[in-house]
Amino acid sequence: MKKLRKIFLASLLCVAVVFVAVLAACGAGNQTPGGDSNPHPASTSDLQVGYTSSPGSGGYYVAASNKDLSGALVIPSELEGHKIEYIGNDSYGTLYNFNDCKYLTSVVIPDTVKYINSSAFKGCTSLKSVSIPSAGVYISPSAFLGCTSLESIYLQPSGLGSAAFSGCTSLKSVTFAPSTGKTGYFMANAFANCTSLESIDVPEGVNGFFREAFKGCTSLKSVTLSTSFGYLEQDVFKNCTSLQTITYKGTSAEWAKIKGVENVSSDITVVCLGD
């Protein structure tokens, strides 16, 4: 009897092990990379709307209602009867944002938007292109931090927050829309470690670069600055080992008046087109 009981228990144990193994295999087969998410084409049904009182004078924001939206996303200028002026809500950290939507590949932002809030698209590792309105928009700190697939952006910022595009290692093209008359700065580490960026033509309205704005942009060869430019902090081009030329659209006398020009390495040739 004891022998039969042992055989029965052993058989039961084997069945249980096989059952668990089958369940695990089925679960693994249904999973997508990175967990048990279920990516699907992005649509307005994946968006949520809310009110935020800051920054600025307040208004309605849009954010992802889930992290599974994939492919191209065109954010509408109006949703649920509300004009969209913010991407994400700074008041709740990354809770109401698009951060870590790792299946998004492109985003078009409407020209009603005034602020892209902090960490709005941080960690969207499949995001390749972003179109930002020509009317001028403030891009908050870390808005696109670590978007490692981002290759091109189109924007006319009224300012770039710290580390706004830091670590976008595939970024090659930064295109600016015609100036709207708004002014702003590229804050610390704005484009730091964008190792594929080869050139940048900074338009009228950008007044200066803060510390390490282009630090570690090892492929950057040329920078063009407008006559509205007036401020360079230390280490703006730190470890930009390929940088050869800065082209300034003003005169040599105007260049000499820019605060911080002494921070430009003597190894870099400065060409003043106004001479």
C-alpha atoms as a PDB file:
ATOM      1  CA  MET A   1       0.000   0.000   0.000  1.00  0.00           C
ATOM      2  CA  LYS A   2       2.779   2.403   0.934  1.00  0.00           C
ATOM      3  CA  LYS A   3       4.523   1.653  -2.342  1.00  0.00           C
ATOM      4  CA  LEU A   4       1.366   2.426  -4.322  1.00  0.00           C
ATOM      5  CA  ARG A   5       0.926   5.698  -2.391  1.00  0.00           C
ATOM      6  CA  LYS A   6       4.480   6.757  -3.233  1.00  0.00           C
ATOM      7  CA  ILE A   7       3.931   5.966  -6.911  1.00  0.00           C
ATOM      8  CA  PHE A   8       0.663   7.924  -6.872  1.00  0.00           C
ATOM      9  CA  LEU A   9       2.271  10.982  -5.224  1.00  0.00           C
ATOM     10  CA  ALA A  10       5.221  10.883  -7.608  1.00  0.00           C
ATOM     11  CA  SER A  11       2.860  10.741 -10.595  1.00  0.00           C
ATOM     12  CA  LEU A  12       0.821  13.643  -9.211  1.00  0.00           C
ATOM     13  CA  LEU A  13       3.968  15.701  -8.742  1.00  0.00           C
ATOM     14  CA  CYS A  14       5.058  15.031 -12.332  1.00  0.00           C
ATOM     15  CA  VAL A  15       1.658  16.122 -13.642  1.00  0.00           C
ATOM     16  CA  ALA A  16       1.851  19.338 -11.590  1.00  0.00           C
ATOM     17  CA  VAL A  17       5.349  20.129 -12.903  1.00  0.00           C
ATOM     18  CA  VAL A  18       4.263  19.562 -16.500  1.00  0.00           C
ATOM     19  CA  PHE A  19       1.155  21.750 -15.977  1.00  0.00           C
ATOM     20  CA  VAL A  20       3.205  24.623 -14.571  1.00  0.00           C
ATOM     21  CA  ALA A  21       5.727  24.336 -17.419  1.00  0.00           C
ATOM     22  CA  VAL A  22       2.932  24.478 -20.031  1.00  0.00           C
ATOM     23  CA  LEU A  23       1.431  27.570 -18.383  1.00  0.00           C
ATOM     24  CA  ALA A  24       4.821  29.307 -18.330  1.00  0.00           C
ATOM     25  CA  ALA A  25       5.454  28.499 -21.995  1.00  0.00           C
ATOM     26  CA  CYS A  26       2.040  29.847 -23.005  1.00  0.00           C
ATOM     27  CA  GLY A  27       2.637  33.023 -21.029  1.00  0.00           C
ATOM     28  CA  ALA A  28       6.040  33.563 -22.606  1.00  0.00           C
ATOM     29  CA  GLY A  29       4.593  33.080 -26.074  1.00  0.00           C
ATOM     30  CA  ASN A  30       1.987  35.785 -25.506  1.00  0.00           C
ATOM     31  CA  GLN A  31       4.395  38.347 -24.087  1.00  0.00           C
ATOM     32  CA  THR A  32       5.880  41.218 -26.051  1.00  0.00           C
ATOM     33  CA  PRO A  33       9.439  42.459 -25.448  1.00  0.00           C
ATOM     34  CA  GLY A  34       9.706  44.172 -22.084  1.00  0.00           C
ATOM     35  CA  GLY A  35       6.809  42.440 -20.319  1.00  0.00           C
ATOM     36  CA  ASP A  36       3.148  41.539 -20.683  1.00  0.00           C
ATOM     37  CA  SER A  37       2.102  44.669 -22.609  1.00  0.00           C
ATOM     38  CA  ASN A  38      -0.029  44.579 -25.743  1.00  0.00           C
ATOM     39  CA  PRO A  39       1.120  47.246 -28.233  1.00  0.00           C
ATOM     40  CA  HIS A  40      -1.503  48.578 -30.640  1.00  0.00           C
ATOM     41  CA  PRO A  41      -1.739  51.454 -33.162  1.00  0.00           C
ATOM     42  CA  ALA A  42      -1.930  54.829 -31.420  1.00  0.00           C
ATOM     43  CA  SER A  43      -5.226  56.704 -31.562  1.00  0.00           C
ATOM     44  CA  THR A  44      -7.054  59.424 -29.643  1.00  0.00           C
ATOM     45  CA  SER A  45      -8.701  56.691 -27.575  1.00  0.00           C
ATOM     46  CA  ASP A  46      -5.276  56.212 -25.941  1.00  0.00           C
ATOM     47  CA  LEU A  47      -5.215  59.811 -24.731  1.00  0.00           C
ATOM     48  CA  GLN A  48      -6.470  61.472 -21.585  1.00  0.00           C
ATOM     49  CA  VAL A  49      -7.140  65.144 -20.917  1.00  0.00           C
ATOM     50  CA  GLY A  50      -6.815  67.135 -17.720  1.00  0.00           C
ATOM     51  CA  TYR A  51      -6.254  70.620 -16.390  1.00  0.00           C
ATOM     52  CA  THR A  52      -2.919  71.880 -15.071  1.00  0.00           C
ATOM     53  CA  SER A  53      -2.291  75.222 -13.405  1.00  0.00           C
ATOM     54  CA  SER A  54       1.402  75.414 -14.265  1.00  0.00           C
ATOM     55  CA  PRO A  55       3.698  76.352 -15.856  1.00  0.00           C
ATOM     56  CA  GLY A  56       2.462  79.609 -17.340  1.00  0.00           C
ATOM     57  CA  SER A  57      -1.149  80.605 -16.868  1.00  0.00           C
ATOM     58  CA  GLY A  58      -2.529  77.060 -16.901  1.00  0.00           C
ATOM     59  CA  GLY A  59      -4.577  75.092 -19.405  1.00  0.00           C
ATOM     60  CA  TYR A  60      -5.476  71.602 -20.593  1.00  0.00           C
ATOM     61  CA  TYR A  61      -2.881  68.876 -21.059  1.00  0.00           C
ATOM     62  CA  VAL A  62      -2.892  65.612 -22.962  1.00  0.00           C
ATOM     63  CA  ALA A  63      -1.171  62.427 -21.818  1.00  0.00           C
ATOM     64  CA  ALA A  64      -1.159  58.717 -22.578  1.00  0.00           C
ATOM     65  CA  SER A  65      -3.845  56.687 -20.847  1.00  0.00           C
ATOM     66  CA  ASN A  66      -1.670  53.585 -21.292  1.00  0.00           C
ATOM     67  CA  LYS A  67       1.890  52.812 -22.381  1.00  0.00           C
ATOM     68  CA  ASP A  68       1.016  50.373 -25.185  1.00  0.00           C
ATOM     69  CA  LEU A  69       0.263  52.818 -27.997  1.00  0.00           C
ATOM     70  CA  SER A  70       2.539  52.202 -30.963  1.00  0.00           C
ATOM     71  CA  GLY A  71       3.484  53.646 -34.350  1.00  0.00           C
ATOM     72  CA  ALA A  72       2.631  57.221 -35.371  1.00  0.00           C
ATOM     73  CA  LEU A  73       0.732  59.566 -33.081  1.00  0.00           C
ATOM     74  CA  VAL A  74      -0.872  62.817 -34.238  1.00  0.00           C
ATOM     75  CA  ILE A  75      -1.988  64.756 -31.175  1.00  0.00           C
ATOM     76  CA  PRO A  76      -5.132  66.791 -31.904  1.00  0.00           C
ATOM     77  CA  SER A  77      -5.344  70.504 -31.115  1.00  0.00           C
ATOM     78  CA  GLU A  78      -8.643  69.895 -29.340  1.00  0.00           C
ATOM     79  CA  LEU A  79      -9.813  66.890 -27.382  1.00  0.00           C
ATOM     80  CA  GLU A  80     -13.053  66.361 -25.475  1.00  0.00           C
ATOM     81  CA  GLY A  81     -13.933  69.980 -26.206  1.00  0.00           C
ATOM     82  CA  HIS A  82     -10.716  71.373 -24.687  1.00  0.00           C
ATOM     83  CA  LYS A  83      -7.899  73.223 -26.445  1.00  0.00           C
ATOM     84  CA  ILE A  84      -4.650  71.341 -25.852  1.00  0.00           C
ATOM     85  CA  GLU A  85      -1.833  73.630 -24.638  1.00  0.00           C
ATOM     86  CA  TYR A  86       0.334  71.218 -22.637  1.00  0.00           C
ATOM     87  CA  ILE A  87       1.916  67.849 -23.258  1.00  0.00           C
ATOM     88  CA  GLY A  88       1.912  66.088 -19.911  1.00  0.00           C
ATOM     89  CA  ASN A  89       1.323  67.410 -16.407  1.00  0.00           C
ATOM     90  CA  ASP A  90       4.334  68.498 -14.339  1.00  0.00           C
ATOM     91  CA  SER A  91       2.359  68.381 -11.099  1.00  0.00           C
ATOM     92  CA  TYR A  92       2.376  64.573 -10.917  1.00  0.00           C
ATOM     93  CA  GLY A  93       5.857  63.685 -12.122  1.00  0.00           C
ATOM     94  CA  THR A  94       5.737  61.031 -14.853  1.00  0.00           C
ATOM     95  CA  LEU A  95       2.233  59.792 -13.989  1.00  0.00           C
ATOM     96  CA  TYR A  96       0.497  61.888 -16.669  1.00  0.00           C
ATOM     97  CA  ASN A  97       2.938  61.845 -19.581  1.00  0.00           C
ATOM     98  CA  PHE A  98       4.048  59.774 -22.562  1.00  0.00           C
ATOM     99  CA  ASN A  99       7.282  58.647 -20.896  1.00  0.00           C
ATOM    100  CA  ASP A 100       8.324  55.056 -21.569  1.00  0.00           C
ATOM    101  CA  CYS A 101       5.826  54.603 -24.416  1.00  0.00           C
ATOM    102  CA  LYS A 102       8.472  52.399 -25.975  1.00  0.00           C
ATOM    103  CA  TYR A 103       6.467  51.479 -29.095  1.00  0.00           C
ATOM    104  CA  LEU A 104       5.813  55.038 -30.339  1.00  0.00           C
ATOM    105  CA  THR A 105       7.743  55.792 -33.543  1.00  0.00           C
ATOM    106  CA  SER A 106       6.664  59.352 -34.434  1.00  0.00           C
ATOM    107  CA  VAL A 107       4.762  62.245 -32.875  1.00  0.00           C
ATOM    108  CA  VAL A 108       3.196  65.351 -34.399  1.00  0.00           C
ATOM    109  CA  ILE A 109       2.380  68.036 -31.838  1.00  0.00           C
ATOM    110  CA  PRO A 110      -0.301  70.647 -32.644  1.00  0.00           C
ATOM    111  CA  ASP A 111       0.479  74.355 -32.881  1.00  0.00           C
ATOM    112  CA  THR A 112      -1.813  75.069 -29.921  1.00  0.00           C
ATOM    113  CA  VAL A 113       0.771  73.580 -27.545  1.00  0.00           C
ATOM    114  CA  LYS A 114       2.825  76.038 -25.476  1.00  0.00           C
ATOM    115  CA  TYR A 115       4.663  73.662 -23.150  1.00  0.00           C
ATOM    116  CA  ILE A 116       6.068  70.171 -23.437  1.00  0.00           C
ATOM    117  CA  ASN A 117       6.406  69.344 -19.776  1.00  0.00           C
ATOM    118  CA  SER A 118       9.224  67.624 -17.919  1.00  0.00           C
ATOM    119  CA  SER A 119       9.955  64.007 -18.932  1.00  0.00           C
ATOM    120  CA  ALA A 120       7.008  64.112 -21.368  1.00  0.00           C
ATOM    121  CA  PHE A 121       8.584  61.582 -23.778  1.00  0.00           C
ATOM    122  CA  LYS A 122      11.502  60.418 -21.660  1.00  0.00           C
ATOM    123  CA  GLY A 123      12.564  56.874 -22.463  1.00  0.00           C
ATOM    124  CA  CYS A 124      10.472  56.499 -25.625  1.00  0.00           C
ATOM    125  CA  THR A 125      13.204  54.361 -27.111  1.00  0.00           C
ATOM    126  CA  SER A 126      11.511  53.661 -30.489  1.00  0.00           C
ATOM    127  CA  LEU A 127      10.624  57.298 -31.197  1.00  0.00           C
ATOM    128  CA  LYS A 128      12.328  58.349 -34.464  1.00  0.00           C
ATOM    129  CA  SER A 129      10.829  61.722 -35.397  1.00  0.00           C
ATOM    130  CA  VAL A 130       9.085  64.616 -33.675  1.00  0.00           C
ATOM    131  CA  SER A 131       7.406  67.637 -35.237  1.00  0.00           C
ATOM    132  CA  ILE A 132       6.970  70.545 -32.833  1.00  0.00           C
ATOM    133  CA  PRO A 133       4.889  73.623 -33.781  1.00  0.00           C
ATOM    134  CA  SER A 134       6.440  76.647 -35.419  1.00  0.00           C
ATOM    135  CA  ALA A 135       4.555  79.023 -33.136  1.00  0.00           C
ATOM    136  CA  GLY A 136       7.140  78.549 -30.382  1.00  0.00           C
ATOM    137  CA  VAL A 137       6.986  76.139 -27.474  1.00  0.00           C
ATOM    138  CA  TYR A 138       8.946  75.693 -24.262  1.00  0.00           C
ATOM    139  CA  ILE A 139      10.502  72.243 -24.000  1.00  0.00           C
ATOM    140  CA  SER A 140      10.951  71.427 -20.331  1.00  0.00           C
ATOM    141  CA  PRO A 141      13.824  69.536 -18.678  1.00  0.00           C
ATOM    142  CA  SER A 142      14.345  65.917 -19.763  1.00  0.00           C
ATOM    143  CA  ALA A 143      11.376  66.093 -22.145  1.00  0.00           C
ATOM    144  CA  PHE A 144      13.043  63.719 -24.645  1.00  0.00           C
ATOM    145  CA  LEU A 145      15.831  62.371 -22.448  1.00  0.00           C
ATOM    146  CA  GLY A 146      17.083  58.979 -23.591  1.00  0.00           C
ATOM    147  CA  CYS A 147      15.040  58.763 -26.795  1.00  0.00           C
ATOM    148  CA  THR A 148      17.808  56.715 -28.343  1.00  0.00           C
ATOM    149  CA  SER A 149      16.105  56.151 -31.728  1.00  0.00           C
ATOM    150  CA  LEU A 150      15.211  59.808 -32.320  1.00  0.00           C
ATOM    151  CA  GLU A 151      16.770  60.826 -35.655  1.00  0.00           C
ATOM    152  CA  SER A 152      15.151  64.163 -36.490  1.00  0.00           C
ATOM    153  CA  ILE A 153      13.282  67.010 -34.850  1.00  0.00           C
ATOM    154  CA  TYR A 154      11.543  70.059 -36.288  1.00  0.00           C
ATOM    155  CA  LEU A 155      11.020  72.885 -33.824  1.00  0.00           C
ATOM    156  CA  GLN A 156      11.027  76.577 -33.035  1.00  0.00           C
ATOM    157  CA  PRO A 157      11.507  76.666 -29.305  1.00  0.00           C
ATOM    158  CA  SER A 158      11.050  79.568 -26.954  1.00  0.00           C
ATOM    159  CA  GLY A 159      13.557  77.699 -24.806  1.00  0.00           C
ATOM    160  CA  LEU A 160      15.069  74.271 -24.152  1.00  0.00           C
ATOM    161  CA  GLY A 161      15.186  73.002 -20.591  1.00  0.00           C
ATOM    162  CA  SER A 162      18.075  71.120 -19.034  1.00  0.00           C
ATOM    163  CA  ALA A 163      18.783  67.763 -20.715  1.00  0.00           C
ATOM    164  CA  ALA A 164      15.786  68.260 -23.033  1.00  0.00           C
ATOM    165  CA  PHE A 165      17.339  66.035 -25.728  1.00  0.00           C
ATOM    166  CA  SER A 166      20.221  64.588 -23.747  1.00  0.00           C
ATOM    167  CA  GLY A 167      21.246  61.066 -24.689  1.00  0.00           C
ATOM    168  CA  CYS A 168      19.434  61.060 -28.033  1.00  0.00           C
ATOM    169  CA  THR A 169      22.285  59.102 -29.547  1.00  0.00           C
ATOM    170  CA  SER A 170      20.718  58.708 -33.031  1.00  0.00           C
ATOM    171  CA  LEU A 171      19.796  62.383 -33.469  1.00  0.00           C
ATOM    172  CA  LYS A 172      21.251  63.665 -36.754  1.00  0.00           C
ATOM    173  CA  SER A 173      18.923  66.446 -37.899  1.00  0.00           C
ATOM    174  CA  VAL A 174      17.680  69.465 -35.911  1.00  0.00           C
ATOM    175  CA  THR A 175      15.627  71.777 -38.129  1.00  0.00           C
ATOM    176  CA  PHE A 176      14.304  75.088 -36.866  1.00  0.00           C
ATOM    177  CA  ALA A 177      11.166  76.793 -38.150  1.00  0.00           C
ATOM    178  CA  PRO A 178      11.291  80.521 -39.040  1.00  0.00           C
ATOM    179  CA  SER A 179      11.695  82.728 -35.989  1.00  0.00           C
ATOM    180  CA  THR A 180       8.546  83.918 -34.245  1.00  0.00           C
ATOM    181  CA  GLY A 181      10.320  86.697 -32.365  1.00  0.00           C
ATOM    182  CA  LYS A 182      10.294  84.751 -29.096  1.00  0.00           C
ATOM    183  CA  THR A 183      13.609  84.369 -27.358  1.00  0.00           C
ATOM    184  CA  GLY A 184      15.131  81.666 -25.239  1.00  0.00           C
ATOM    185  CA  TYR A 185      18.189  79.700 -24.181  1.00  0.00           C
ATOM    186  CA  PHE A 186      19.476  76.173 -24.516  1.00  0.00           C
ATOM    187  CA  MET A 187      19.893  75.191 -20.869  1.00  0.00           C
ATOM    188  CA  ALA A 188      22.543  72.903 -19.383  1.00  0.00           C
ATOM    189  CA  ASN A 189      23.030  69.585 -21.211  1.00  0.00           C
ATOM    190  CA  ALA A 190      20.207  70.378 -23.672  1.00  0.00           C
ATOM    191  CA  PHE A 191      21.828  68.239 -26.391  1.00  0.00           C
ATOM    192  CA  ALA A 192      24.474  66.486 -24.302  1.00  0.00           C
ATOM    193  CA  ASN A 193      25.738  63.164 -25.638  1.00  0.00           C
ATOM    194  CA  CYS A 194      23.847  63.393 -28.922  1.00  0.00           C
ATOM    195  CA  THR A 195      26.691  61.474 -30.478  1.00  0.00           C
ATOM    196  CA  SER A 196      25.302  61.391 -34.048  1.00  0.00           C
ATOM    197  CA  LEU A 197      24.643  65.130 -34.378  1.00  0.00           C
ATOM    198  CA  GLU A 198      27.026  66.604 -36.988  1.00  0.00           C
ATOM    199  CA  SER A 199      25.878  70.213 -37.380  1.00  0.00           C
ATOM    200  CA  ILE A 200      23.408  72.713 -36.020  1.00  0.00           C
ATOM    201  CA  ASP A 201      22.221  76.057 -37.403  1.00  0.00           C
ATOM    202  CA  VAL A 202      20.815  78.055 -34.491  1.00  0.00           C
ATOM    203  CA  PRO A 203      18.187  80.614 -35.577  1.00  0.00           C
ATOM    204  CA  GLU A 204      17.357  84.150 -34.498  1.00  0.00           C
ATOM    205  CA  GLY A 205      15.756  84.178 -31.086  1.00  0.00           C
ATOM    206  CA  VAL A 206      18.139  81.778 -29.370  1.00  0.00           C
ATOM    207  CA  ASN A 207      20.150  84.013 -27.043  1.00  0.00           C
ATOM    208  CA  GLY A 208      22.642  81.642 -25.497  1.00  0.00           C
ATOM    209  CA  PHE A 209      23.898  78.219 -24.432  1.00  0.00           C
ATOM    210  CA  PHE A 210      24.240  77.182 -20.808  1.00  0.00           C
ATOM    211  CA  ARG A 211      26.868  74.867 -19.345  1.00  0.00           C
ATOM    212  CA  GLU A 212      27.611  71.676 -21.273  1.00  0.00           C
ATOM    213  CA  ALA A 213      24.722  72.240 -23.688  1.00  0.00           C
ATOM    214  CA  PHE A 214      26.488  70.110 -26.326  1.00  0.00           C
ATOM    215  CA  LYS A 215      28.819  68.123 -24.091  1.00  0.00           C
ATOM    216  CA  GLY A 216      29.919  64.824 -25.598  1.00  0.00           C
ATOM    217  CA  CYS A 217      28.518  65.487 -29.086  1.00  0.00           C
ATOM    218  CA  THR A 218      31.489  63.693 -30.561  1.00  0.00           C
ATOM    219  CA  SER A 219      30.328  63.920 -34.210  1.00  0.00           C
ATOM    220  CA  LEU A 220      29.518  67.650 -34.114  1.00  0.00           C
ATOM    221  CA  LYS A 221      31.645  69.407 -36.757  1.00  0.00           C
ATOM    222  CA  SER A 222      30.026  72.809 -37.261  1.00  0.00           C
ATOM    223  CA  VAL A 223      27.799  75.275 -35.417  1.00  0.00           C
ATOM    224  CA  THR A 224      26.136  78.352 -36.951  1.00  0.00           C
ATOM    225  CA  LEU A 225      24.962  81.197 -34.716  1.00  0.00           C
ATOM    226  CA  SER A 226      22.718  84.167 -35.495  1.00  0.00           C
ATOM    227  CA  THR A 227      23.333  87.794 -34.528  1.00  0.00           C
ATOM    228  CA  SER A 228      20.814  87.511 -31.673  1.00  0.00           C
ATOM    229  CA  PHE A 229      23.195  85.171 -29.891  1.00  0.00           C
ATOM    230  CA  GLY A 230      24.884  86.722 -26.855  1.00  0.00           C
ATOM    231  CA  TYR A 231      25.885  84.211 -24.189  1.00  0.00           C
ATOM    232  CA  LEU A 232      28.156  81.147 -23.870  1.00  0.00           C
ATOM    233  CA  GLU A 233      28.713  79.391 -20.566  1.00  0.00           C
ATOM    234  CA  GLN A 234      31.693  77.202 -19.716  1.00  0.00           C
ATOM    235  CA  ASP A 235      32.132  73.748 -21.215  1.00  0.00           C
ATOM    236  CA  VAL A 236      29.327  74.216 -23.751  1.00  0.00           C
ATOM    237  CA  PHE A 237      31.309  72.172 -26.273  1.00  0.00           C
ATOM    238  CA  LYS A 238      33.159  69.946 -23.810  1.00  0.00           C
ATOM    239  CA  ASN A 239      34.359  66.702 -25.442  1.00  0.00           C
ATOM    240  CA  CYS A 240      33.066  67.775 -28.851  1.00  0.00           C
ATOM    241  CA  THR A 241      36.145  66.199 -30.341  1.00  0.00           C
ATOM    242  CA  SER A 242      35.154  66.752 -34.001  1.00  0.00           C
ATOM    243  CA  LEU A 243      34.100  70.413 -33.742  1.00  0.00           C
ATOM    244  CA  GLN A 244      36.126  72.469 -36.204  1.00  0.00           C
ATOM    245  CA  THR A 245      34.145  75.595 -37.051  1.00  0.00           C
ATOM    246  CA  ILE A 246      31.727  78.085 -35.488  1.00  0.00           C
ATOM    247  CA  THR A 247      30.105  80.368 -38.044  1.00  0.00           C
ATOM    248  CA  TYR A 248      28.739  83.633 -36.653  1.00  0.00           C
ATOM    249  CA  LYS A 249      26.437  85.722 -38.831  1.00  0.00           C
ATOM    250  CA  GLY A 250      27.604  89.019 -37.342  1.00  0.00           C
ATOM    251  CA  THR A 251      30.925  90.873 -37.369  1.00  0.00           C
ATOM    252  CA  SER A 252      34.121  90.136 -35.478  1.00  0.00           C
ATOM    253  CA  ALA A 253      33.451  93.170 -33.282  1.00  0.00           C
ATOM    254  CA  GLU A 254      29.992  91.826 -32.393  1.00  0.00           C
ATOM    255  CA  TRP A 255      31.428  88.373 -31.728  1.00  0.00           C
ATOM    256  CA  ALA A 256      33.928  89.836 -29.282  1.00  0.00           C
ATOM    257  CA  LYS A 257      31.074  91.363 -27.261  1.00  0.00           C
ATOM    258  CA  ILE A 258      29.338  88.030 -26.700  1.00  0.00           C
ATOM    259  CA  LYS A 259      29.610  87.084 -23.048  1.00  0.00           C
ATOM    260  CA  GLY A 260      31.729  83.970 -22.638  1.00  0.00           C
ATOM    261  CA  VAL A 261      33.497  83.858 -26.027  1.00  0.00           C
ATOM    262  CA  GLU A 262      36.672  83.151 -24.097  1.00  0.00           C
ATOM    263  CA  ASN A 263      35.157  79.734 -23.349  1.00  0.00           C
ATOM    264  CA  VAL A 264      35.513  78.723 -27.006  1.00  0.00           C
ATOM    265  CA  SER A 265      38.621  76.616 -27.507  1.00  0.00           C
ATOM    266  CA  SER A 266      41.412  78.125 -29.593  1.00  0.00           C
ATOM    267  CA  ASP A 267      41.347  74.918 -31.658  1.00  0.00           C
ATOM    268  CA  ILE A 268      37.978  75.958 -33.112  1.00  0.00           C
ATOM    269  CA  THR A 269      37.913  78.335 -36.071  1.00  0.00           C
ATOM    270  CA  VAL A 270      35.405  81.191 -35.758  1.00  0.00           C
ATOM    271  CA  VAL A 271      34.166  82.633 -39.071  1.00  0.00           C
ATOM    272  CA  CYS A 272      32.308  85.972 -38.870  1.00  0.00           C
ATOM    273  CA  LEU A 273      30.150  86.405 -41.969  1.00  0.00           C
ATOM    274  CA  GLY A 274      29.490  90.098 -41.292  1.00  0.00           C
ATOM    275  CA  ASP A 275      33.111  91.165 -41.843  1.00  0.00           C
END
